[in-house]
């Protein structure tokens, strides 16, 4: 199974919290883990000084799911569709979700409400514990 790790999960992992056990279990099971360039940017932007040395090791161990034209198109459709119903979705979250959809990955996140799209499988990973 391919699992796309959202920013909340990546930060939780980097800080040695509950995501560590879940990620280790997936790796022991033989699952593949990935993230997106958007998640890389979000994590790097929020790094604490003591986390800088560890971040490259974290991303070196993950596949980076591509975000191209098809993902941009899908993200735009979702944003338009949900906006017509009065729900505003962020550009970043829609692009992350589109990458999960294109790669058939399960999206692991601490913010499942940010991903109401029925086309993707979302797992809630409570973070900060």
C-alpha atoms as a PDB file:
ATOM      1  CA  UNK A   1       0.000   0.000   0.000  1.00  0.00           C
ATOM      2  CA  UNK A   2       1.175   3.529  -0.747  1.00  0.00           C
ATOM      3  CA  UNK A   3       0.635   6.082   2.041  1.00  0.00           C
ATOM      4  CA  UNK A   4       1.021   9.812   1.461  1.00  0.00           C
ATOM      5  CA  UNK A   5       2.106  11.549   4.652  1.00  0.00           C
ATOM      6  CA  UNK A   6       0.612  15.009   5.124  1.00  0.00           C
ATOM      7  CA  UNK A   7       2.465  17.835   6.864  1.00  0.00           C
ATOM      8  CA  UNK A   8       0.858  17.226  10.256  1.00  0.00           C
ATOM      9  CA  UNK A   9       2.084  13.631  10.251  1.00  0.00           C
ATOM     10  CA  UNK A  10       5.561  14.577   9.018  1.00  0.00           C
ATOM     11  CA  UNK A  11       5.988  17.155  11.778  1.00  0.00           C
ATOM     12  CA  UNK A  12       4.694  14.690  14.349  1.00  0.00           C
ATOM     13  CA  UNK A  13       7.235  12.126  13.106  1.00  0.00           C
ATOM     14  CA  UNK A  14      10.090  14.627  13.066  1.00  0.00           C
ATOM     15  CA  UNK A  15       9.310  15.576  16.665  1.00  0.00           C
ATOM     16  CA  UNK A  16       9.278  11.957  17.863  1.00  0.00           C
ATOM     17  CA  UNK A  17       5.567  11.805  18.643  1.00  0.00           C
ATOM     18  CA  UNK A  18       2.855   9.256  17.901  1.00  0.00           C
ATOM     19  CA  UNK A  19       3.446   9.134  14.138  1.00  0.00           C
ATOM     20  CA  UNK A  20       6.792   7.382  14.711  1.00  0.00           C
ATOM     21  CA  UNK A  21       5.131   4.132  15.777  1.00  0.00           C
ATOM     22  CA  UNK A  22       2.607   4.231  12.950  1.00  0.00           C
ATOM     23  CA  UNK A  23       5.245   4.968  10.310  1.00  0.00           C
ATOM     24  CA  UNK A  24       7.497   2.212  11.656  1.00  0.00           C
ATOM     25  CA  UNK A  25       4.572  -0.237  11.535  1.00  0.00           C
ATOM     26  CA  UNK A  26       3.889   0.653   7.884  1.00  0.00           C
ATOM     27  CA  UNK A  27       7.541   0.211   6.965  1.00  0.00           C
ATOM     28  CA  UNK A  28       7.708  -3.134   8.793  1.00  0.00           C
ATOM     29  CA  UNK A  29       4.634  -4.226   6.835  1.00  0.00           C
ATOM     30  CA  UNK A  30       6.383  -3.306   3.585  1.00  0.00           C
ATOM     31  CA  UNK A  31       4.211  -0.336   2.677  1.00  0.00           C
ATOM     32  CA  UNK A  32       5.599   2.526   0.600  1.00  0.00           C
ATOM     33  CA  UNK A  33       5.584   6.064   1.958  1.00  0.00           C
ATOM     34  CA  UNK A  34       5.502   9.297   0.035  1.00  0.00           C
ATOM     35  CA  UNK A  35       4.737  12.979   0.368  1.00  0.00           C
ATOM     36  CA  UNK A  36       4.517  15.949  -1.992  1.00  0.00           C
ATOM     37  CA  UNK A  37       6.685  18.992  -2.738  1.00  0.00           C
ATOM     38  CA  UNK A  38       4.027  21.087  -0.988  1.00  0.00           C
ATOM     39  CA  UNK A  39       4.458  19.096   2.216  1.00  0.00           C
ATOM     40  CA  UNK A  40       8.234  19.458   1.950  1.00  0.00           C
ATOM     41  CA  UNK A  41       7.838  23.240   1.743  1.00  0.00           C
ATOM     42  CA  UNK A  42       5.404  23.354   4.661  1.00  0.00           C
ATOM     43  CA  UNK A  43       7.666  21.265   6.894  1.00  0.00           C
ATOM     44  CA  UNK A  44      10.828  23.202   6.007  1.00  0.00           C
ATOM     45  CA  UNK A  45       9.046  26.516   6.575  1.00  0.00           C
ATOM     46  CA  UNK A  46       8.087  25.476  10.118  1.00  0.00           C
ATOM     47  CA  UNK A  47      11.343  23.832  11.207  1.00  0.00           C
ATOM     48  CA  UNK A  48      12.804  24.485  14.605  1.00  0.00           C
ATOM     49  CA  UNK A  49      16.593  25.044  14.539  1.00  0.00           C
ATOM     50  CA  UNK A  50      17.314  21.665  16.149  1.00  0.00           C
ATOM     51  CA  UNK A  51      15.209  19.866  13.491  1.00  0.00           C
ATOM     52  CA  UNK A  52      17.174  21.153  10.491  1.00  0.00           C
ATOM     53  CA  UNK A  53      19.795  18.340  10.552  1.00  0.00           C
ATOM     54  CA  UNK A  54      17.101  15.625  10.578  1.00  0.00           C
ATOM     55  CA  UNK A  55      14.825  16.917   7.851  1.00  0.00           C
ATOM     56  CA  UNK A  56      16.954  15.777   4.912  1.00  0.00           C
ATOM     57  CA  UNK A  57      17.091  12.239   6.303  1.00  0.00           C
ATOM     58  CA  UNK A  58      13.307  12.286   6.640  1.00  0.00           C
ATOM     59  CA  UNK A  59      12.704  13.350   3.046  1.00  0.00           C
ATOM     60  CA  UNK A  60      15.475  11.137   1.641  1.00  0.00           C
ATOM     61  CA  UNK A  61      13.465   8.165   2.923  1.00  0.00           C
ATOM     62  CA  UNK A  62      10.252   9.189   1.146  1.00  0.00           C
ATOM     63  CA  UNK A  63       9.116   9.066  -2.427  1.00  0.00           C
ATOM     64  CA  UNK A  64       7.967  12.497  -3.643  1.00  0.00           C
ATOM     65  CA  UNK A  65       4.654  12.260  -5.479  1.00  0.00           C
ATOM     66  CA  UNK A  66       4.591  14.470  -8.566  1.00  0.00           C
ATOM     67  CA  UNK A  67       2.261  17.407  -8.969  1.00  0.00           C
ATOM     68  CA  UNK A  68       1.677  18.306 -12.589  1.00  0.00           C
ATOM     69  CA  UNK A  69      -1.045  19.460 -14.926  1.00  0.00           C
ATOM     70  CA  UNK A  70      -3.487  16.645 -14.135  1.00  0.00           C
ATOM     71  CA  UNK A  71      -3.194  17.256 -10.397  1.00  0.00           C
ATOM     72  CA  UNK A  72      -3.617  21.000 -10.901  1.00  0.00           C
ATOM     73  CA  UNK A  73      -6.747  20.389 -12.955  1.00  0.00           C
ATOM     74  CA  UNK A  74      -8.236  18.018 -10.402  1.00  0.00           C
ATOM     75  CA  UNK A  75      -7.431  20.425  -7.537  1.00  0.00           C
ATOM     76  CA  UNK A  76      -9.102  23.282  -9.393  1.00  0.00           C
ATOM     77  CA  UNK A  77     -12.218  21.199 -10.010  1.00  0.00           C
ATOM     78  CA  UNK A  78     -12.472  20.322  -6.324  1.00  0.00           C
ATOM     79  CA  UNK A  79     -12.001  23.923  -5.216  1.00  0.00           C
ATOM     80  CA  UNK A  80     -14.679  25.097  -7.658  1.00  0.00           C
ATOM     81  CA  UNK A  81     -17.099  22.300  -6.736  1.00  0.00           C
ATOM     82  CA  UNK A  82     -16.776  22.816  -3.000  1.00  0.00           C
ATOM     83  CA  UNK A  83     -16.877  26.624  -3.307  1.00  0.00           C
ATOM     84  CA  UNK A  84     -20.229  26.306  -5.101  1.00  0.00           C
ATOM     85  CA  UNK A  85     -21.492  24.590  -1.916  1.00  0.00           C
ATOM     86  CA  UNK A  86     -20.039  27.277   0.333  1.00  0.00           C
ATOM     87  CA  UNK A  87     -16.924  25.355   1.436  1.00  0.00           C
ATOM     88  CA  UNK A  88     -13.527  26.916   0.899  1.00  0.00           C
ATOM     89  CA  UNK A  89     -10.655  24.476   0.449  1.00  0.00           C
ATOM     90  CA  UNK A  90      -7.023  25.550   0.352  1.00  0.00           C
ATOM     91  CA  UNK A  91      -5.011  25.318  -2.820  1.00  0.00           C
ATOM     92  CA  UNK A  92      -2.261  23.390  -1.026  1.00  0.00           C
ATOM     93  CA  UNK A  93      -4.626  20.793   0.429  1.00  0.00           C
ATOM     94  CA  UNK A  94      -6.344  20.260  -2.910  1.00  0.00           C
ATOM     95  CA  UNK A  95      -3.010  19.746  -4.682  1.00  0.00           C
ATOM     96  CA  UNK A  96      -1.894  17.302  -1.969  1.00  0.00           C
ATOM     97  CA  UNK A  97      -5.186  15.423  -2.314  1.00  0.00           C
ATOM     98  CA  UNK A  98      -4.823  15.376  -6.099  1.00  0.00           C
ATOM     99  CA  UNK A  99      -1.364  13.822  -5.757  1.00  0.00           C
ATOM    100  CA  UNK A 100      -2.826  11.173  -3.448  1.00  0.00           C
ATOM    101  CA  UNK A 101      -5.578  10.504  -5.981  1.00  0.00           C
ATOM    102  CA  UNK A 102      -3.173  10.226  -8.926  1.00  0.00           C
ATOM    103  CA  UNK A 103      -0.897   7.806  -7.097  1.00  0.00           C
ATOM    104  CA  UNK A 104      -3.766   5.845  -5.500  1.00  0.00           C
ATOM    105  CA  UNK A 105      -2.230   6.588  -2.104  1.00  0.00           C
ATOM    106  CA  UNK A 106      -4.011   6.655   1.224  1.00  0.00           C
ATOM    107  CA  UNK A 107      -3.628  10.144   2.693  1.00  0.00           C
ATOM    108  CA  UNK A 108      -2.502  10.108   6.337  1.00  0.00           C
ATOM    109  CA  UNK A 109      -3.280  13.420   8.043  1.00  0.00           C
ATOM    110  CA  UNK A 110      -4.052  15.008  11.373  1.00  0.00           C
ATOM    111  CA  UNK A 111      -6.610  17.214   9.593  1.00  0.00           C
ATOM    112  CA  UNK A 112      -9.086  14.930   7.810  1.00  0.00           C
ATOM    113  CA  UNK A 113     -11.665  17.733   7.537  1.00  0.00           C
ATOM    114  CA  UNK A 114      -9.303  19.499   5.131  1.00  0.00           C
ATOM    115  CA  UNK A 115      -9.791  16.614   2.689  1.00  0.00           C
ATOM    116  CA  UNK A 116     -13.536  16.042   2.106  1.00  0.00           C
ATOM    117  CA  UNK A 117     -13.021  14.685  -1.420  1.00  0.00           C
ATOM    118  CA  UNK A 118     -14.673  11.304  -1.855  1.00  0.00           C
ATOM    119  CA  UNK A 119     -12.165  10.303  -4.523  1.00  0.00           C
ATOM    120  CA  UNK A 120      -9.386   9.710  -1.995  1.00  0.00           C
ATOM    121  CA  UNK A 121      -8.968   7.481   1.032  1.00  0.00           C
ATOM    122  CA  UNK A 122      -8.104   9.508   4.132  1.00  0.00           C
ATOM    123  CA  UNK A 123      -6.786   8.103   7.404  1.00  0.00           C
ATOM    124  CA  UNK A 124      -6.977  10.263  10.506  1.00  0.00           C
ATOM    125  CA  UNK A 125      -3.710  10.139  12.407  1.00  0.00           C
ATOM    126  CA  UNK A 126      -4.196  12.178  15.594  1.00  0.00           C
ATOM    127  CA  UNK A 127      -1.013  14.136  16.163  1.00  0.00           C
ATOM    128  CA  UNK A 128       0.706  15.989  18.964  1.00  0.00           C
ATOM    129  CA  UNK A 129       0.600  13.114  21.414  1.00  0.00           C
END
